[in-house]
Amino acid sequence: MKYDLFVSDFDGTLGIAPGNIDAETVETVKEYVKKGGKFVICTGRMYTSIRDICLRYGLEGLVISYQGAMINDIKSGDSIFMGGIDYPLASEVAEKLLAEGIQTVVDIDDILYYEQSSSYTEYYEKAVHITGKKVKSLIELVNAEKKPVQKVGGICDAETAKRLTEKYNQIYKDKLIINNGSSQLIEVINPACSKGFAVKFLSNFYNVPMDKIITVGDSTNDIELVRGAWHGVAVGDAREELKAVAKEITVPYKDKPVKVLLEKYCL
């Protein structure tokens, strides 16, 4: 077994919305775990969303949600780590997105909040299989809660998402990471709680050295997951920005990249 820890993104890498994983891939993952490997999903999804999927397919161990802002035990639900964006900064960026006319959402304590339901929020809720909570004012909510915000999101058309991702990465350089879980989704996270942070956390938690870790993803919210001291892989139909930082490019999603990588390196 070349790699003792395998960290995979979910959507477009391991599974697909609303939460399906290919049966052969599931069996390959379980075979890897039986041999002593550690398999962890690291996703931008809410914890509730990804935990339900893990339980349905009989996956155990830790799961990473919100790109690294929450780390939990799948079976018990116990919290291993919780972080997020400091609420004043989260409030500021949410206000800017709202001013742009973007359907804006925030996640606090694993609850999705928004001001108006729309085709965009319906699309998102259906994709991640959750129900959000409507509030009068996101800004008032964030400032009243005074809690870390796991993620600020914007749901819009793909062209707008790409433009605003570039714009806000310039505005909040070194303060926030703005990336995309899908072409229609803007995701804003704390750089200290990124997917890269999550891999380092797992390395320490499981006592696995960096050269024994493999990671794989498909979108720009996987850049921190893929680039690092470990072996980072992009799926064959990944975003070009991700391919540019990957050490390896594997097969497209339709050809079961997680299964292919496990069989190539770990079984």
C-alpha atoms as a PDB file:
ATOM      1  CA  MET A   1       0.000   0.000   0.000  1.00  0.00           C
ATOM      2  CA  LYS A   2       1.699   3.183  -1.173  1.00  0.00           C
ATOM      3  CA  TYR A   3      -0.678   5.596   0.580  1.00  0.00           C
ATOM      4  CA  ASP A   4      -2.061   5.075   4.094  1.00  0.00           C
ATOM      5  CA  LEU A   5      -4.467   8.041   3.962  1.00  0.00           C
ATOM      6  CA  PHE A   6      -6.773   8.791   1.022  1.00  0.00           C
ATOM      7  CA  VAL A   7      -8.633  12.119   1.114  1.00  0.00           C
ATOM      8  CA  SER A   8     -11.315  12.660  -1.517  1.00  0.00           C
ATOM      9  CA  ASP A   9     -13.600  15.490  -2.505  1.00  0.00           C
ATOM     10  CA  PHE A  10     -17.216  14.401  -2.926  1.00  0.00           C
ATOM     11  CA  ASP A  11     -19.160  16.059  -5.780  1.00  0.00           C
ATOM     12  CA  GLY A  12     -17.636  15.316  -9.170  1.00  0.00           C
ATOM     13  CA  THR A  13     -14.915  13.170  -7.604  1.00  0.00           C
ATOM     14  CA  LEU A  14     -16.309  10.447  -5.344  1.00  0.00           C
ATOM     15  CA  GLY A  15     -20.030  10.999  -5.914  1.00  0.00           C
ATOM     16  CA  ILE A  16     -22.599  13.163  -7.598  1.00  0.00           C
ATOM     17  CA  ALA A  17     -25.627  15.220  -6.507  1.00  0.00           C
ATOM     18  CA  PRO A  18     -27.890  14.658  -4.717  1.00  0.00           C
ATOM     19  CA  GLY A  19     -25.545  12.193  -2.982  1.00  0.00           C
ATOM     20  CA  ASN A  20     -24.962   9.040  -4.985  1.00  0.00           C
ATOM     21  CA  ILE A  21     -21.764   6.987  -5.065  1.00  0.00           C
ATOM     22  CA  ASP A  22     -21.078   4.235  -7.587  1.00  0.00           C
ATOM     23  CA  ALA A  23     -21.419   0.797  -5.940  1.00  0.00           C
ATOM     24  CA  GLU A  24     -18.059  -0.449  -7.266  1.00  0.00           C
ATOM     25  CA  THR A  25     -16.326   2.609  -5.843  1.00  0.00           C
ATOM     26  CA  VAL A  26     -17.931   2.054  -2.432  1.00  0.00           C
ATOM     27  CA  GLU A  27     -16.738  -1.555  -2.359  1.00  0.00           C
ATOM     28  CA  THR A  28     -13.224  -0.511  -3.363  1.00  0.00           C
ATOM     29  CA  VAL A  29     -13.150   2.088  -0.574  1.00  0.00           C
ATOM     30  CA  LYS A  30     -14.263  -0.521   1.959  1.00  0.00           C
ATOM     31  CA  GLU A  31     -11.616  -2.968   0.726  1.00  0.00           C
ATOM     32  CA  TYR A  32      -8.961  -0.265   1.229  1.00  0.00           C
ATOM     33  CA  VAL A  33     -10.196   0.407   4.761  1.00  0.00           C
ATOM     34  CA  LYS A  34     -10.163  -3.334   5.583  1.00  0.00           C
ATOM     35  CA  LYS A  35      -6.496  -3.394   4.582  1.00  0.00           C
ATOM     36  CA  GLY A  36      -5.818  -0.667   7.159  1.00  0.00           C
ATOM     37  CA  GLY A  37      -6.110   2.450   5.015  1.00  0.00           C
ATOM     38  CA  LYS A  38      -7.814   5.623   6.224  1.00  0.00           C
ATOM     39  CA  PHE A  39     -10.395   7.043   3.815  1.00  0.00           C
ATOM     40  CA  VAL A  40     -11.793  10.534   4.449  1.00  0.00           C
ATOM     41  CA  ILE A  41     -14.223  12.664   2.441  1.00  0.00           C
ATOM     42  CA  CYS A  42     -13.325  16.382   2.399  1.00  0.00           C
ATOM     43  CA  THR A  43     -16.120  18.464   0.908  1.00  0.00           C
ATOM     44  CA  GLY A  44     -17.580  21.943   0.776  1.00  0.00           C
ATOM     45  CA  ARG A  45     -20.968  20.478   1.668  1.00  0.00           C
ATOM     46  CA  MET A  46     -22.664  20.984   5.015  1.00  0.00           C
ATOM     47  CA  TYR A  47     -21.898  18.383   7.666  1.00  0.00           C
ATOM     48  CA  THR A  48     -25.546  17.248   7.806  1.00  0.00           C
ATOM     49  CA  SER A  49     -25.544  16.663   4.059  1.00  0.00           C
ATOM     50  CA  ILE A  50     -22.315  14.671   3.832  1.00  0.00           C
ATOM     51  CA  ARG A  51     -22.884  12.700   7.049  1.00  0.00           C
ATOM     52  CA  ASP A  52     -26.211  11.382   5.743  1.00  0.00           C
ATOM     53  CA  ILE A  53     -24.443  10.156   2.608  1.00  0.00           C
ATOM     54  CA  CYS A  54     -21.662   8.483   4.606  1.00  0.00           C
ATOM     55  CA  LEU A  55     -24.166   6.697   6.834  1.00  0.00           C
ATOM     56  CA  ARG A  56     -26.203   5.526   3.848  1.00  0.00           C
ATOM     57  CA  TYR A  57     -23.141   3.892   2.283  1.00  0.00           C
ATOM     58  CA  GLY A  58     -21.716   2.503   5.512  1.00  0.00           C
ATOM     59  CA  LEU A  59     -18.639   4.756   5.589  1.00  0.00           C
ATOM     60  CA  GLU A  60     -17.044   5.366   8.991  1.00  0.00           C
ATOM     61  CA  GLY A  61     -14.271   7.430  10.552  1.00  0.00           C
ATOM     62  CA  LEU A  62     -13.911  11.178  10.144  1.00  0.00           C
ATOM     63  CA  VAL A  63     -15.573  13.432   7.592  1.00  0.00           C
ATOM     64  CA  ILE A  64     -14.547  16.981   6.631  1.00  0.00           C
ATOM     65  CA  SER A  65     -17.256  19.511   5.742  1.00  0.00           C
ATOM     66  CA  TYR A  66     -17.273  23.198   4.788  1.00  0.00           C
ATOM     67  CA  GLN A  67     -13.873  22.643   3.130  1.00  0.00           C
ATOM     68  CA  GLY A  68     -12.250  22.145   6.539  1.00  0.00           C
ATOM     69  CA  ALA A  69     -14.270  24.324   8.927  1.00  0.00           C
ATOM     70  CA  MET A  70     -15.918  21.268  10.502  1.00  0.00           C
ATOM     71  CA  ILE A  71     -14.411  17.859  11.250  1.00  0.00           C
ATOM     72  CA  ASN A  72     -16.668  15.225  12.792  1.00  0.00           C
ATOM     73  CA  ASP A  73     -16.852  11.537  13.538  1.00  0.00           C
ATOM     74  CA  ILE A  74     -19.392  10.006  11.152  1.00  0.00           C
ATOM     75  CA  LYS A  75     -20.829   7.351  13.450  1.00  0.00           C
ATOM     76  CA  SER A  76     -21.070   9.282  16.735  1.00  0.00           C
ATOM     77  CA  GLY A  77     -21.475  12.761  15.278  1.00  0.00           C
ATOM     78  CA  ASP A  78     -18.881  14.038  17.761  1.00  0.00           C
ATOM     79  CA  SER A  79     -17.187  17.301  16.808  1.00  0.00           C
ATOM     80  CA  ILE A  80     -13.415  17.008  16.405  1.00  0.00           C
ATOM     81  CA  PHE A  81     -12.901  20.550  15.129  1.00  0.00           C
ATOM     82  CA  MET A  82     -15.079  23.571  14.359  1.00  0.00           C
ATOM     83  CA  GLY A  83     -13.911  26.868  12.914  1.00  0.00           C
ATOM     84  CA  GLY A  84     -14.977  29.423  10.368  1.00  0.00           C
ATOM     85  CA  ILE A  85     -14.845  33.073   9.343  1.00  0.00           C
ATOM     86  CA  ASP A  86     -14.866  35.646  12.152  1.00  0.00           C
ATOM     87  CA  TYR A  87     -18.377  37.043  12.132  1.00  0.00           C
ATOM     88  CA  PRO A  88     -17.512  40.727  11.391  1.00  0.00           C
ATOM     89  CA  LEU A  89     -15.636  39.699   8.244  1.00  0.00           C
ATOM     90  CA  ALA A  90     -18.375  37.226   7.265  1.00  0.00           C
ATOM     91  CA  SER A  91     -20.946  39.979   7.692  1.00  0.00           C
ATOM     92  CA  GLU A  92     -18.903  42.307   5.492  1.00  0.00           C
ATOM     93  CA  VAL A  93     -18.492  39.898   2.588  1.00  0.00           C
ATOM     94  CA  ALA A  94     -22.134  38.768   2.778  1.00  0.00           C
ATOM     95  CA  GLU A  95     -23.219  42.395   2.597  1.00  0.00           C
ATOM     96  CA  LYS A  96     -21.077  42.935  -0.504  1.00  0.00           C
ATOM     97  CA  LEU A  97     -22.529  39.882  -2.244  1.00  0.00           C
ATOM     98  CA  LEU A  98     -26.068  41.005  -1.429  1.00  0.00           C
ATOM     99  CA  ALA A  99     -25.258  44.434  -2.859  1.00  0.00           C
ATOM    100  CA  GLU A 100     -24.152  42.699  -6.075  1.00  0.00           C
ATOM    101  CA  GLY A 101     -27.651  41.235  -6.327  1.00  0.00           C
ATOM    102  CA  ILE A 102     -26.353  37.722  -5.627  1.00  0.00           C
ATOM    103  CA  GLN A 103     -28.467  35.082  -3.900  1.00  0.00           C
ATOM    104  CA  THR A 104     -26.429  34.910  -0.700  1.00  0.00           C
ATOM    105  CA  VAL A 105     -26.379  32.217   1.981  1.00  0.00           C
ATOM    106  CA  VAL A 106     -24.471  31.765   5.229  1.00  0.00           C
ATOM    107  CA  ASP A 107     -23.817  28.654   7.310  1.00  0.00           C
ATOM    108  CA  ILE A 108     -23.700  28.900  11.099  1.00  0.00           C
ATOM    109  CA  ASP A 109     -23.683  25.827  13.355  1.00  0.00           C
ATOM    110  CA  ASP A 110     -24.457  23.658  10.316  1.00  0.00           C
ATOM    111  CA  ILE A 111     -27.645  25.575   9.454  1.00  0.00           C
ATOM    112  CA  LEU A 112     -28.060  27.213   6.037  1.00  0.00           C
ATOM    113  CA  TYR A 113     -29.640  30.688   6.146  1.00  0.00           C
ATOM    114  CA  TYR A 114     -30.888  32.955   3.365  1.00  0.00           C
ATOM    115  CA  GLU A 115     -33.172  35.970   2.976  1.00  0.00           C
ATOM    116  CA  GLN A 116     -35.188  34.913  -0.059  1.00  0.00           C
ATOM    117  CA  SER A 117     -35.978  31.514  -1.510  1.00  0.00           C
ATOM    118  CA  SER A 118     -35.490  31.339  -5.272  1.00  0.00           C
ATOM    119  CA  SER A 119     -34.710  28.953  -8.091  1.00  0.00           C
ATOM    120  CA  TYR A 120     -31.078  29.241  -7.030  1.00  0.00           C
ATOM    121  CA  THR A 121     -31.696  28.244  -3.400  1.00  0.00           C
ATOM    122  CA  GLU A 122     -34.036  25.465  -4.551  1.00  0.00           C
ATOM    123  CA  TYR A 123     -31.289  24.185  -6.868  1.00  0.00           C
ATOM    124  CA  TYR A 124     -28.761  24.243  -4.020  1.00  0.00           C
ATOM    125  CA  GLU A 125     -31.062  22.592  -1.471  1.00  0.00           C
ATOM    126  CA  LYS A 126     -31.912  19.847  -3.946  1.00  0.00           C
ATOM    127  CA  ALA A 127     -28.257  19.314  -4.873  1.00  0.00           C
ATOM    128  CA  VAL A 128     -27.082  18.880  -1.288  1.00  0.00           C
ATOM    129  CA  HIS A 129     -30.332  17.399   0.001  1.00  0.00           C
ATOM    130  CA  ILE A 130     -30.962  19.869   2.846  1.00  0.00           C
ATOM    131  CA  THR A 131     -33.556  22.495   3.770  1.00  0.00           C
ATOM    132  CA  GLY A 132     -32.415  26.015   4.548  1.00  0.00           C
ATOM    133  CA  LYS A 133     -33.903  28.570   6.908  1.00  0.00           C
ATOM    134  CA  LYS A 134     -35.292  31.904   5.731  1.00  0.00           C
ATOM    135  CA  VAL A 135     -34.465  34.993   7.828  1.00  0.00           C
ATOM    136  CA  LYS A 136     -35.306  38.671   7.501  1.00  0.00           C
ATOM    137  CA  SER A 137     -31.686  39.826   7.379  1.00  0.00           C
ATOM    138  CA  LEU A 138     -28.522  37.761   7.010  1.00  0.00           C
ATOM    139  CA  ILE A 139     -26.391  40.644   8.235  1.00  0.00           C
ATOM    140  CA  GLU A 140     -28.469  41.089  11.378  1.00  0.00           C
ATOM    141  CA  LEU A 141     -28.344  37.327  11.973  1.00  0.00           C
ATOM    142  CA  VAL A 142     -24.556  37.082  11.637  1.00  0.00           C
ATOM    143  CA  ASN A 143     -23.977  40.097  13.868  1.00  0.00           C
ATOM    144  CA  ALA A 144     -26.461  38.895  16.483  1.00  0.00           C
ATOM    145  CA  GLU A 145     -25.122  35.328  16.629  1.00  0.00           C
ATOM    146  CA  LYS A 146     -21.524  36.503  17.018  1.00  0.00           C
ATOM    147  CA  LYS A 147     -20.317  33.029  16.048  1.00  0.00           C
ATOM    148  CA  PRO A 148     -17.830  31.824  13.436  1.00  0.00           C
ATOM    149  CA  VAL A 149     -19.496  31.425  10.038  1.00  0.00           C
ATOM    150  CA  GLN A 150     -18.492  28.132   8.464  1.00  0.00           C
ATOM    151  CA  LYS A 151     -19.113  29.456   4.950  1.00  0.00           C
ATOM    152  CA  VAL A 152     -20.578  32.395   3.060  1.00  0.00           C
ATOM    153  CA  GLY A 153     -22.011  31.374  -0.286  1.00  0.00           C
ATOM    154  CA  GLY A 154     -23.316  32.962  -3.442  1.00  0.00           C
ATOM    155  CA  ILE A 155     -25.531  31.079  -5.886  1.00  0.00           C
ATOM    156  CA  CYS A 156     -25.751  32.493  -9.410  1.00  0.00           C
ATOM    157  CA  ASP A 157     -25.059  31.754 -13.060  1.00  0.00           C
ATOM    158  CA  ALA A 158     -21.649  30.342 -13.965  1.00  0.00           C
ATOM    159  CA  GLU A 159     -20.322  33.451 -15.722  1.00  0.00           C
ATOM    160  CA  THR A 160     -21.175  35.695 -12.756  1.00  0.00           C
ATOM    161  CA  ALA A 161     -19.703  33.172 -10.309  1.00  0.00           C
ATOM    162  CA  LYS A 162     -16.409  33.126 -12.207  1.00  0.00           C
ATOM    163  CA  ARG A 163     -16.237  36.939 -12.427  1.00  0.00           C
ATOM    164  CA  LEU A 164     -17.051  37.548  -8.768  1.00  0.00           C
ATOM    165  CA  THR A 165     -14.724  34.798  -7.566  1.00  0.00           C
ATOM    166  CA  GLU A 166     -11.832  36.550  -9.284  1.00  0.00           C
ATOM    167  CA  LYS A 167     -12.983  39.977  -8.042  1.00  0.00           C
ATOM    168  CA  TYR A 168     -13.358  39.016  -4.389  1.00  0.00           C
ATOM    169  CA  ASN A 169     -10.144  37.028  -4.291  1.00  0.00           C
ATOM    170  CA  GLN A 170      -8.401  40.284  -5.131  1.00  0.00           C
ATOM    171  CA  ILE A 171     -10.360  42.272  -2.540  1.00  0.00           C
ATOM    172  CA  TYR A 172      -9.842  39.732   0.267  1.00  0.00           C
ATOM    173  CA  LYS A 173      -6.412  38.402  -0.646  1.00  0.00           C
ATOM    174  CA  ASP A 174      -4.768  36.772   2.427  1.00  0.00           C
ATOM    175  CA  LYS A 175      -7.975  37.272   4.457  1.00  0.00           C
ATOM    176  CA  LEU A 176     -10.383  34.876   2.754  1.00  0.00           C
ATOM    177  CA  ILE A 177     -10.383  32.164   0.106  1.00  0.00           C
ATOM    178  CA  ILE A 178     -13.088  32.482  -2.529  1.00  0.00           C
ATOM    179  CA  ASN A 179     -13.592  29.436  -4.733  1.00  0.00           C
ATOM    180  CA  ASN A 180     -16.253  27.268  -6.375  1.00  0.00           C
ATOM    181  CA  GLY A 181     -17.788  23.953  -5.386  1.00  0.00           C
ATOM    182  CA  SER A 182     -19.586  24.001  -8.730  1.00  0.00           C
ATOM    183  CA  SER A 183     -19.773  26.417 -11.653  1.00  0.00           C
ATOM    184  CA  GLN A 184     -22.825  28.161 -10.115  1.00  0.00           C
ATOM    185  CA  LEU A 185     -21.558  28.387  -6.560  1.00  0.00           C
ATOM    186  CA  ILE A 186     -19.294  30.968  -4.936  1.00  0.00           C
ATOM    187  CA  GLU A 187     -17.829  29.719  -1.657  1.00  0.00           C
ATOM    188  CA  VAL A 188     -16.093  31.982   0.856  1.00  0.00           C
ATOM    189  CA  ILE A 189     -14.018  30.372   3.615  1.00  0.00           C
ATOM    190  CA  ASN A 190     -11.384  31.172   6.210  1.00  0.00           C
ATOM    191  CA  PRO A 191      -7.898  30.275   4.850  1.00  0.00           C
ATOM    192  CA  ALA A 192      -7.109  28.807   8.275  1.00  0.00           C
ATOM    193  CA  CYS A 193      -9.931  26.283   7.773  1.00  0.00           C
ATOM    194  CA  SER A 194      -9.238  25.199   4.207  1.00  0.00           C
ATOM    195  CA  LYS A 195      -9.054  21.718   2.691  1.00  0.00           C
ATOM    196  CA  GLY A 196      -5.268  22.028   2.938  1.00  0.00           C
ATOM    197  CA  PHE A 197      -5.594  22.642   6.671  1.00  0.00           C
ATOM    198  CA  ALA A 198      -7.834  19.575   6.866  1.00  0.00           C
ATOM    199  CA  VAL A 199      -5.204  17.322   5.255  1.00  0.00           C
ATOM    200  CA  LYS A 200      -2.570  18.524   7.730  1.00  0.00           C
ATOM    201  CA  PHE A 201      -5.008  17.979  10.594  1.00  0.00           C
ATOM    202  CA  LEU A 202      -5.669  14.423   9.412  1.00  0.00           C
ATOM    203  CA  SER A 203      -1.943  13.780   9.056  1.00  0.00           C
ATOM    204  CA  ASN A 204      -1.441  14.650  12.729  1.00  0.00           C
ATOM    205  CA  PHE A 205      -4.651  12.951  13.890  1.00  0.00           C
ATOM    206  CA  TYR A 206      -3.837   9.645  12.220  1.00  0.00           C
ATOM    207  CA  ASN A 207      -0.046  10.018  12.516  1.00  0.00           C
ATOM    208  CA  VAL A 208       0.407   9.562   8.770  1.00  0.00           C
ATOM    209  CA  PRO A 209       3.392  11.321   7.130  1.00  0.00           C
ATOM    210  CA  MET A 210       2.764  13.593   4.175  1.00  0.00           C
ATOM    211  CA  ASP A 211       4.410  11.250   1.683  1.00  0.00           C
ATOM    212  CA  LYS A 212       1.878   8.557   2.601  1.00  0.00           C
ATOM    213  CA  ILE A 213      -1.145  10.739   1.779  1.00  0.00           C
ATOM    214  CA  ILE A 214      -3.026  10.977  -1.536  1.00  0.00           C
ATOM    215  CA  THR A 215      -5.786  13.496  -2.260  1.00  0.00           C
ATOM    216  CA  VAL A 216      -8.131  13.977  -5.220  1.00  0.00           C
ATOM    217  CA  GLY A 217     -10.609  16.619  -6.367  1.00  0.00           C
ATOM    218  CA  ASP A 218     -12.221  18.286  -9.353  1.00  0.00           C
ATOM    219  CA  SER A 219     -13.006  21.972  -8.758  1.00  0.00           C
ATOM    220  CA  THR A 220     -11.380  25.195  -7.600  1.00  0.00           C
ATOM    221  CA  ASN A 221     -12.413  24.526  -4.006  1.00  0.00           C
ATOM    222  CA  ASP A 222     -10.019  21.554  -4.213  1.00  0.00           C
ATOM    223  CA  ILE A 223      -6.916  23.608  -4.986  1.00  0.00           C
ATOM    224  CA  GLU A 224      -5.844  23.613  -1.324  1.00  0.00           C
ATOM    225  CA  LEU A 225      -6.699  19.898  -1.146  1.00  0.00           C
ATOM    226  CA  VAL A 226      -4.529  18.994  -4.116  1.00  0.00           C
ATOM    227  CA  ARG A 227      -1.506  21.245  -3.772  1.00  0.00           C
ATOM    228  CA  GLY A 228       0.687  20.385  -0.834  1.00  0.00           C
ATOM    229  CA  ALA A 229       3.462  18.083   0.341  1.00  0.00           C
ATOM    230  CA  TRP A 230       1.240  15.054  -0.323  1.00  0.00           C
ATOM    231  CA  HIS A 231       0.342  13.470  -3.685  1.00  0.00           C
ATOM    232  CA  GLY A 232      -2.444  15.642  -5.094  1.00  0.00           C
ATOM    233  CA  VAL A 233      -4.518  14.386  -8.030  1.00  0.00           C
ATOM    234  CA  ALA A 234      -7.077  16.083 -10.285  1.00  0.00           C
ATOM    235  CA  VAL A 235      -9.822  14.090 -12.002  1.00  0.00           C
ATOM    236  CA  GLY A 236      -9.639  14.068 -15.776  1.00  0.00           C
ATOM    237  CA  ASP A 237     -12.469  16.558 -16.280  1.00  0.00           C
ATOM    238  CA  ALA A 238     -11.431  18.843 -13.422  1.00  0.00           C
ATOM    239  CA  ARG A 239     -11.276  22.618 -13.707  1.00  0.00           C
ATOM    240  CA  GLU A 240      -8.115  23.773 -15.471  1.00  0.00           C
ATOM    241  CA  GLU A 241      -7.068  25.794 -12.411  1.00  0.00           C
ATOM    242  CA  LEU A 242      -6.940  22.575 -10.419  1.00  0.00           C
ATOM    243  CA  LYS A 243      -5.123  20.595 -13.079  1.00  0.00           C
ATOM    244  CA  ALA A 244      -2.428  23.277 -13.071  1.00  0.00           C
ATOM    245  CA  VAL A 245      -1.479  22.536  -9.442  1.00  0.00           C
ATOM    246  CA  ALA A 246      -2.010  18.750  -9.440  1.00  0.00           C
ATOM    247  CA  LYS A 247       0.875  16.283  -9.397  1.00  0.00           C
ATOM    248  CA  GLU A 248      -1.200  13.821 -11.393  1.00  0.00           C
ATOM    249  CA  ILE A 249      -4.291  13.919 -13.614  1.00  0.00           C
ATOM    250  CA  THR A 250      -6.392  10.772 -13.516  1.00  0.00           C
ATOM    251  CA  VAL A 251      -9.483   9.568 -15.397  1.00  0.00           C
ATOM    252  CA  PRO A 252     -12.684  11.639 -15.737  1.00  0.00           C
ATOM    253  CA  TYR A 253     -15.445  11.277 -13.183  1.00  0.00           C
ATOM    254  CA  LYS A 254     -17.486   8.899 -15.352  1.00  0.00           C
ATOM    255  CA  ASP A 255     -14.582   6.416 -15.242  1.00  0.00           C
ATOM    256  CA  LYS A 256     -14.578   6.211 -11.407  1.00  0.00           C
ATOM    257  CA  PRO A 257     -11.394   8.099 -10.477  1.00  0.00           C
ATOM    258  CA  VAL A 258     -11.393   7.154  -6.779  1.00  0.00           C
ATOM    259  CA  LYS A 259     -11.692   3.465  -7.639  1.00  0.00           C
ATOM    260  CA  VAL A 260      -8.940   3.799 -10.248  1.00  0.00           C
ATOM    261  CA  LEU A 261      -6.554   5.520  -7.820  1.00  0.00           C
ATOM    262  CA  LEU A 262      -7.212   3.075  -5.001  1.00  0.00           C
ATOM    263  CA  GLU A 263      -6.526   0.128  -7.296  1.00  0.00           C
ATOM    264  CA  LYS A 264      -3.420   1.803  -8.727  1.00  0.00           C
ATOM    265  CA  TYR A 265      -1.769   2.730  -5.444  1.00  0.00           C
ATOM    266  CA  CYS A 266      -3.468   1.101  -2.460  1.00  0.00           C
ATOM    267  CA  LEU A 267      -4.818  -2.377  -3.236  1.00  0.00           C
END
